[in-house]
Protein backbone atom coordinates (compact mmCIF):
# COMPACT_ATOMS: atom_id res chain seq x y z
CA MET A 1 -83.52 55.49 -53.12
CA SER A 2 -82.27 52.65 -51.59
CA ARG A 3 -84.50 50.67 -49.49
CA ILE A 4 -82.82 49.16 -46.34
CA ALA A 5 -84.64 46.59 -44.28
CA VAL A 6 -84.44 46.09 -41.09
CA VAL A 7 -85.56 42.90 -39.93
CA HIS A 8 -85.41 42.29 -35.99
CA HIS A 9 -86.56 40.84 -32.65
CA THR A 10 -86.55 41.82 -29.02
CA GLY A 11 -86.97 39.68 -26.30
CA TYR A 12 -87.33 41.52 -23.44
CA GLY A 13 -87.11 45.05 -24.96
CA HIS A 14 -83.15 45.66 -24.64
CA THR A 15 -82.13 44.77 -28.24
CA LEU A 16 -84.85 47.15 -29.55
CA TRP A 17 -82.41 50.10 -28.16
CA LEU A 18 -79.84 48.94 -30.86
CA THR A 19 -82.59 48.71 -33.71
CA LYS A 20 -83.65 52.07 -33.06
CA ALA A 21 -79.93 53.50 -33.29
CA VAL A 22 -79.72 51.52 -36.66
CA ILE A 23 -82.66 52.75 -37.76
CA GLU A 24 -81.55 56.38 -36.97
CA GLY A 25 -78.34 55.59 -38.90
CA VAL A 26 -79.92 54.82 -42.00
CA GLN A 27 -82.51 57.80 -41.77
CA LYS A 28 -79.41 59.89 -41.65
CA VAL A 29 -78.42 58.92 -45.17
CA ASP A 30 -79.87 60.71 -48.04
CA HIS A 31 -81.84 58.64 -50.69
CA ALA A 32 -82.27 55.69 -48.17
CA SER A 33 -85.60 54.66 -46.59
CA VAL A 34 -86.33 52.00 -43.57
CA ILE A 35 -88.42 49.14 -43.88
CA ASP A 36 -88.94 48.48 -39.78
CA VAL A 37 -90.16 44.70 -39.82
CA PRO A 38 -90.05 43.19 -36.50
CA VAL A 39 -89.77 39.06 -36.75
CA ALA A 40 -93.29 38.74 -36.02
CA GLU A 41 -94.14 40.28 -38.93
CA ALA A 42 -91.96 39.09 -41.74
CA GLU A 43 -93.74 36.55 -43.14
CA SER A 44 -96.91 38.95 -43.91
CA ARG A 45 -94.37 41.27 -44.98
CA MET A 46 -91.69 39.37 -47.01
CA GLU A 47 -92.66 41.16 -50.24
CA GLU A 48 -91.38 44.51 -48.86
CA ILE A 49 -88.13 42.44 -47.74
CA ASP A 50 -88.00 41.04 -51.11
CA ARG A 51 -87.86 44.42 -52.47
CA ALA A 52 -85.03 45.62 -50.36
CA ASP A 53 -81.51 46.39 -51.60
CA ALA A 54 -80.12 45.75 -48.11
CA ILE A 55 -81.30 43.83 -44.94
CA ILE A 56 -79.97 44.41 -41.33
CA MET A 57 -80.88 41.57 -39.55
CA GLY A 58 -80.84 42.50 -35.41
CA CYS A 59 -81.62 39.96 -32.63
CA PRO A 60 -80.46 39.06 -28.78
CA THR A 61 -77.85 36.84 -28.36
CA TYR A 62 -79.64 33.60 -26.32
CA MET A 63 -77.29 30.42 -25.51
CA GLY A 64 -74.60 31.58 -28.15
CA THR A 65 -76.74 32.27 -30.99
CA VAL A 66 -79.67 33.82 -32.77
CA SER A 67 -82.72 33.76 -30.63
CA ALA A 68 -85.36 31.09 -31.79
CA ASP A 69 -87.51 34.35 -33.40
CA MET A 70 -84.89 35.50 -35.74
CA LYS A 71 -84.18 31.68 -36.78
CA LYS A 72 -87.75 31.09 -37.44
CA PHE A 73 -87.28 33.99 -40.18
CA MET A 74 -84.08 32.80 -41.32
CA GLU A 75 -85.89 29.61 -42.14
CA LEU A 76 -88.87 31.16 -43.69
CA THR A 77 -86.52 32.35 -46.35
CA SER A 78 -85.82 28.58 -47.64
CA GLY A 79 -87.43 29.14 -51.03
CA LYS A 80 -85.81 32.50 -51.82
CA TYR A 81 -82.67 30.33 -50.87
CA LEU A 82 -83.34 27.80 -53.32
CA GLU A 83 -84.18 30.85 -55.90
CA GLN A 84 -81.22 33.07 -54.85
CA ALA A 85 -83.67 35.35 -54.73
CA TRP A 86 -81.74 37.54 -52.56
CA SER A 87 -78.07 37.13 -54.38
CA ASN A 88 -76.10 40.46 -54.80
CA LYS A 89 -77.99 42.32 -51.61
CA ILE A 90 -76.32 43.78 -48.94
CA ALA A 91 -76.42 42.37 -45.52
CA ALA A 92 -75.38 43.16 -42.03
CA GLY A 93 -76.28 42.71 -38.61
CA TYR A 94 -76.24 43.45 -34.68
CA THR A 95 -76.80 41.88 -31.88
CA ASN A 96 -76.89 42.61 -27.40
CA SER A 97 -76.87 40.48 -24.63
CA GLY A 98 -75.98 40.63 -20.86
CA GLY A 99 -72.32 40.22 -21.25
CA TYR A 100 -69.50 42.01 -22.64
CA ALA A 101 -68.59 39.03 -25.02
CA GLY A 102 -71.61 36.94 -24.50
CA ASP A 103 -70.51 34.64 -27.56
CA LYS A 104 -72.35 37.32 -29.42
CA LEU A 105 -69.47 36.69 -32.39
CA SER A 106 -71.57 33.16 -32.74
CA THR A 107 -74.93 35.31 -33.69
CA LEU A 108 -72.89 37.53 -35.83
CA MET A 109 -71.29 34.25 -37.45
CA ALA A 110 -75.00 32.76 -37.95
CA MET A 111 -75.90 35.97 -39.38
CA VAL A 112 -73.00 36.05 -41.70
CA VAL A 113 -73.62 32.31 -42.84
CA PHE A 114 -77.29 33.39 -43.59
CA ALA A 115 -76.34 35.91 -46.23
CA ALA A 116 -73.96 34.01 -47.71
CA GLN A 117 -76.02 31.00 -48.45
CA HIS A 118 -78.58 33.50 -49.89
CA GLY A 119 -75.60 35.27 -52.23
CA MET A 120 -75.57 38.26 -50.25
CA THR A 121 -72.65 40.33 -49.60
CA TRP A 122 -72.07 41.29 -45.81
CA VAL A 123 -71.40 44.59 -44.64
CA SER A 124 -68.93 44.79 -41.57
CA LEU A 125 -69.09 47.29 -38.84
CA GLY A 126 -66.21 48.99 -40.34
CA LEU A 127 -65.11 50.47 -36.88
CA ALA A 128 -61.55 49.97 -35.19
CA THR A 129 -62.13 49.04 -31.59
CA GLY A 130 -62.72 52.06 -29.13
CA CYS A 131 -61.45 50.69 -25.99
CA ALA A 132 -58.06 49.64 -26.50
CA ALA A 133 -55.94 51.74 -23.79
CA ARG A 134 -56.49 52.15 -20.28
CA HIS A 135 -57.97 55.53 -20.12
CA ASP A 136 -60.60 54.79 -22.58
CA ASP A 137 -64.16 54.79 -21.29
CA ILE A 138 -66.29 51.60 -22.13
CA ASP A 139 -69.28 53.87 -21.67
CA SER A 140 -68.45 56.36 -24.23
CA ALA A 141 -66.18 54.27 -26.73
CA ARG A 142 -67.72 53.40 -29.94
CA ASN A 143 -66.98 49.71 -30.47
CA ALA A 144 -66.05 49.20 -27.04
CA THR A 145 -65.95 45.32 -27.06
CA GLY A 146 -64.08 45.27 -30.58
CA ALA A 147 -66.56 43.80 -32.49
CA TYR A 148 -65.81 43.57 -36.34
CA LEU A 149 -68.70 41.61 -37.93
CA GLY A 150 -71.60 44.05 -36.79
CA ALA A 151 -73.01 45.88 -34.20
CA VAL A 152 -73.19 44.43 -30.56
CA SER A 153 -74.21 46.22 -27.50
CA ARG A 154 -74.44 45.12 -23.80
CA SER A 155 -77.42 45.46 -21.49
CA PRO A 156 -77.24 44.39 -18.07
CA VAL A 157 -79.74 41.89 -17.34
CA ASP A 158 -81.16 43.22 -14.14
CA VAL A 159 -82.24 46.89 -15.35
CA ASP A 160 -85.70 47.08 -17.50
CA ALA A 161 -86.01 48.09 -21.18
CA ASP A 162 -86.51 51.68 -20.31
CA HIS A 163 -82.69 51.62 -19.23
CA GLY A 164 -81.26 52.04 -22.81
CA LEU A 165 -77.80 51.82 -24.26
CA THR A 166 -74.32 53.49 -23.39
CA GLN A 167 -73.55 56.51 -25.66
CA GLY A 168 -70.81 54.39 -27.23
CA ASP A 169 -73.08 51.30 -28.06
CA ARG A 170 -76.08 53.71 -29.30
CA GLU A 171 -73.41 55.25 -31.29
CA THR A 172 -72.02 51.87 -32.67
CA GLY A 173 -75.45 51.35 -33.77
CA VAL A 174 -76.11 54.39 -35.45
CA HIS A 175 -73.10 53.91 -37.38
CA LEU A 176 -73.71 50.52 -38.71
CA GLY A 177 -77.12 51.99 -40.07
CA ILE A 178 -75.36 54.58 -42.05
CA ARG A 179 -72.30 52.31 -43.39
CA VAL A 180 -75.20 50.20 -45.02
CA ALA A 181 -77.07 52.66 -46.04
CA GLU A 182 -74.17 54.27 -47.81
CA MET A 183 -72.74 50.78 -49.37
CA ALA A 184 -76.56 50.43 -50.51
CA ALA A 185 -76.23 53.87 -52.25
CA ARG A 186 -72.89 52.84 -53.95
CA PHE A 187 -73.55 49.74 -54.92
CA ILE A 188 -77.18 49.50 -55.85
CA PRO A 189 -78.37 50.80 -58.93
CA ARG A 190 -80.55 54.02 -58.56
CA ARG A 191 -84.35 54.11 -58.78
CA THR A 192 -85.58 56.90 -60.88
CA VAL A 193 -89.36 55.98 -59.71
CA PRO A 194 -90.24 54.43 -56.19
CA ALA A 195 -91.03 50.38 -57.42
């Protein structure tokens, strides 16, 4: 069974909707289990994260990069980096912000660099843009913003966290969870007994 850690932060609750979609995607794959880790719990749950075959990181984009809480998680792993303890794990990421672009690519790039420093293998979204033609509906199209490094979503800043995601953004998150779980199953040796 492949173990997928979803390490996530949400500031106002909007990014949590995308986290739920990613987790739903992982759960759709046979022989994959989810380790749901809010970043506030990451330090105390580092052994669980260490045992994961893949780590999917998710946070809002604040001021053009990862949230401070996600950055704190990244910095907590410096000892792992020195040992290359996470080398050859699978990595992926997702983010949310109020704008359609909102410099979300910078957030994903920060996650990619973090994964590369750890010797991890980054899994891209693997979806063509879903909103390339005039008649395409931005609310129902998967990958409507045309992001390729990871899943991105938009939550208007003037709605509360109960608003949720568009259908397309939710499906994009589910797709990322499925893709990472399938890649982990493909590239990580199968375990016969739970570790």
